[in-house]
C-alpha atoms as a PDB file:
ATOM      1  CA  UNK A   1      80.059 158.449 -19.611  1.00  0.00           C
ATOM      2  CA  UNK A   2      81.164 155.694 -19.051  1.00  0.00           C
ATOM      3  CA  UNK A   3      84.780 154.810 -17.084  1.00  0.00           C
ATOM      4  CA  UNK A   4      85.677 151.835 -20.170  1.00  0.00           C
ATOM      5  CA  UNK A   5      88.086 153.142 -21.836  1.00  0.00           C
ATOM      6  CA  UNK A   6      87.050 151.553 -25.773  1.00  0.00           C
ATOM      7  CA  UNK A   7      90.023 152.768 -27.693  1.00  0.00           C
ATOM      8  CA  UNK A   8      92.034 150.022 -25.521  1.00  0.00           C
ATOM      9  CA  UNK A   9      89.370 147.129 -26.028  1.00  0.00           C
ATOM     10  CA  UNK A  10      89.535 148.407 -30.126  1.00  0.00           C
ATOM     11  CA  UNK A  11      93.331 147.840 -29.955  1.00  0.00           C
ATOM     12  CA  UNK A  12      92.686 144.572 -27.414  1.00  0.00           C
ATOM     13  CA  UNK A  13      89.769 142.813 -29.974  1.00  0.00           C
ATOM     14  CA  UNK A  14      92.380 143.905 -33.292  1.00  0.00           C
ATOM     15  CA  UNK A  15      95.399 142.237 -31.679  1.00  0.00           C
ATOM     16  CA  UNK A  16      92.918 138.570 -30.393  1.00  0.00           C
ATOM     17  CA  UNK A  17      92.915 135.993 -32.627  1.00  0.00           C
ATOM     18  CA  UNK A  18      90.419 135.781 -35.174  1.00  0.00           C
ATOM     19  CA  UNK A  19      88.382 133.715 -36.377  1.00  0.00           C
ATOM     20  CA  UNK A  20      84.613 131.896 -34.269  1.00  0.00           C
ATOM     21  CA  UNK A  21      85.064 131.256 -30.410  1.00  0.00           C
ATOM     22  CA  UNK A  22      83.157 128.329 -29.522  1.00  0.00           C
ATOM     23  CA  UNK A  23      82.975 126.449 -25.623  1.00  0.00           C
ATOM     24  CA  UNK A  24      84.367 124.000 -24.543  1.00  0.00           C
ATOM     25  CA  UNK A  25      83.546 121.252 -21.680  1.00  0.00           C
ATOM     26  CA  UNK A  26      87.051 121.980 -19.985  1.00  0.00           C
ATOM     27  CA  UNK A  27      87.095 122.212 -16.782  1.00  0.00           C
ATOM     28  CA  UNK A  28      91.083 124.423 -16.473  1.00  0.00           C
ATOM     29  CA  UNK A  29      90.001 128.213 -16.927  1.00  0.00           C
ATOM     30  CA  UNK A  30      91.932 130.252 -19.822  1.00  0.00           C
ATOM     31  CA  UNK A  31      91.020 130.185 -23.553  1.00  0.00           C
ATOM     32  CA  UNK A  32      93.208 128.385 -26.017  1.00  0.00           C
ATOM     33  CA  UNK A  33      93.825 128.335 -29.036  1.00  0.00           C
ATOM     34  CA  UNK A  34      93.428 124.442 -30.461  1.00  0.00           C
ATOM     35  CA  UNK A  35      92.831 121.988 -33.907  1.00  0.00           C
ATOM     36  CA  UNK A  36      89.119 121.097 -33.474  1.00  0.00           C
ATOM     37  CA  UNK A  37      88.791 117.990 -35.260  1.00  0.00           C
ATOM     38  CA  UNK A  38      84.961 118.623 -36.960  1.00  0.00           C
ATOM     39  CA  UNK A  39      86.080 121.455 -39.484  1.00  0.00           C
ATOM     40  CA  UNK A  40      89.728 120.940 -39.529  1.00  0.00           C
ATOM     41  CA  UNK A  41      91.151 124.057 -38.374  1.00  0.00           C
ATOM     42  CA  UNK A  42      92.471 126.171 -35.667  1.00  0.00           C
ATOM     43  CA  UNK A  43      89.642 127.836 -33.379  1.00  0.00           C
ATOM     44  CA  UNK A  44      89.282 129.455 -30.199  1.00  0.00           C
ATOM     45  CA  UNK A  45      88.251 127.818 -27.124  1.00  0.00           C
ATOM     46  CA  UNK A  46      87.424 129.413 -23.598  1.00  0.00           C
ATOM     47  CA  UNK A  47      87.441 126.942 -21.008  1.00  0.00           C
ATOM     48  CA  UNK A  48      86.374 126.824 -18.206  1.00  0.00           C
ATOM     49  CA  UNK A  49      84.257 126.228 -15.119  1.00  0.00           C
ATOM     50  CA  UNK A  50      81.073 127.756 -15.468  1.00  0.00           C
ATOM     51  CA  UNK A  51      79.244 126.863 -19.125  1.00  0.00           C
ATOM     52  CA  UNK A  52      77.724 130.626 -18.677  1.00  0.00           C
ATOM     53  CA  UNK A  53      81.022 132.589 -18.421  1.00  0.00           C
ATOM     54  CA  UNK A  54      82.094 130.883 -20.996  1.00  0.00           C
ATOM     55  CA  UNK A  55      79.727 130.646 -23.765  1.00  0.00           C
ATOM     56  CA  UNK A  56      79.632 134.663 -22.630  1.00  0.00           C
ATOM     57  CA  UNK A  57      83.710 134.919 -23.048  1.00  0.00           C
ATOM     58  CA  UNK A  58      83.063 132.852 -27.072  1.00  0.00           C
ATOM     59  CA  UNK A  59      79.958 135.344 -27.551  1.00  0.00           C
ATOM     60  CA  UNK A  60      82.775 138.333 -26.576  1.00  0.00           C
ATOM     61  CA  UNK A  61      84.608 137.387 -29.578  1.00  0.00           C
ATOM     62  CA  UNK A  62      86.784 140.192 -31.954  1.00  0.00           C
ATOM     63  CA  UNK A  63      84.231 140.879 -34.530  1.00  0.00           C
ATOM     64  CA  UNK A  64      81.472 141.204 -31.723  1.00  0.00           C
ATOM     65  CA  UNK A  65      83.373 143.708 -29.756  1.00  0.00           C
ATOM     66  CA  UNK A  66      84.498 145.740 -32.814  1.00  0.00           C
ATOM     67  CA  UNK A  67      80.797 145.962 -34.289  1.00  0.00           C
ATOM     68  CA  UNK A  68      79.376 147.409 -31.026  1.00  0.00           C
ATOM     69  CA  UNK A  69      82.619 149.897 -30.929  1.00  0.00           C
ATOM     70  CA  UNK A  70      82.105 151.028 -33.649  1.00  0.00           C
ATOM     71  CA  UNK A  71      78.237 151.037 -33.635  1.00  0.00           C
ATOM     72  CA  UNK A  72      79.008 153.280 -29.792  1.00  0.00           C
ATOM     73  CA  UNK A  73      81.054 155.463 -31.912  1.00  0.00           C
ATOM     74  CA  UNK A  74      78.812 156.222 -34.760  1.00  0.00           C
ATOM     75  CA  UNK A  75      75.510 156.709 -31.838  1.00  0.00           C
ATOM     76  CA  UNK A  76      78.053 159.183 -30.588  1.00  0.00           C
ATOM     77  CA  UNK A  77      78.597 161.073 -33.843  1.00  0.00           C
ATOM     78  CA  UNK A  78      75.336 160.904 -34.142  1.00  0.00           C
ATOM     79  CA  UNK A  79      74.493 162.802 -30.850  1.00  0.00           C
ATOM     80  CA  UNK A  80      77.256 165.201 -31.101  1.00  0.00           C
ATOM     81  CA  UNK A  81      75.574 166.510 -34.327  1.00  0.00           C
ATOM     82  CA  UNK A  82      72.256 166.930 -32.841  1.00  0.00           C
ATOM     83  CA  UNK A  83      73.524 168.858 -30.079  1.00  0.00           C
ATOM     84  CA  UNK A  84      75.289 170.961 -32.030  1.00  0.00           C
ATOM     85  CA  UNK A  85      72.273 171.747 -34.156  1.00  0.00           C
ATOM     86  CA  UNK A  86      70.280 171.955 -31.087  1.00  0.00           C
ATOM     87  CA  UNK A  87      72.996 174.371 -29.803  1.00  0.00           C
ATOM     88  CA  UNK A  88      73.513 176.895 -32.028  1.00  0.00           C
END
């Protein structure tokens, strides 16, 4: 069993700014909501020195995290059901 607090992660993902997250070429660290001129809407930008870090942060957006948590929960339920039958 991992030490990841999945409920805290779920709550953080649900509170996070929704929408598309994109990598920015800025050299400053942080995540900023900013108007994006190409689509005319506000988007989240991950600013970091390392492009690979910014790409990961953008990929690990709330929708992705919630989907992973839902999948994990479903797999845990299936595992518990199989164990219950096997141990009966």
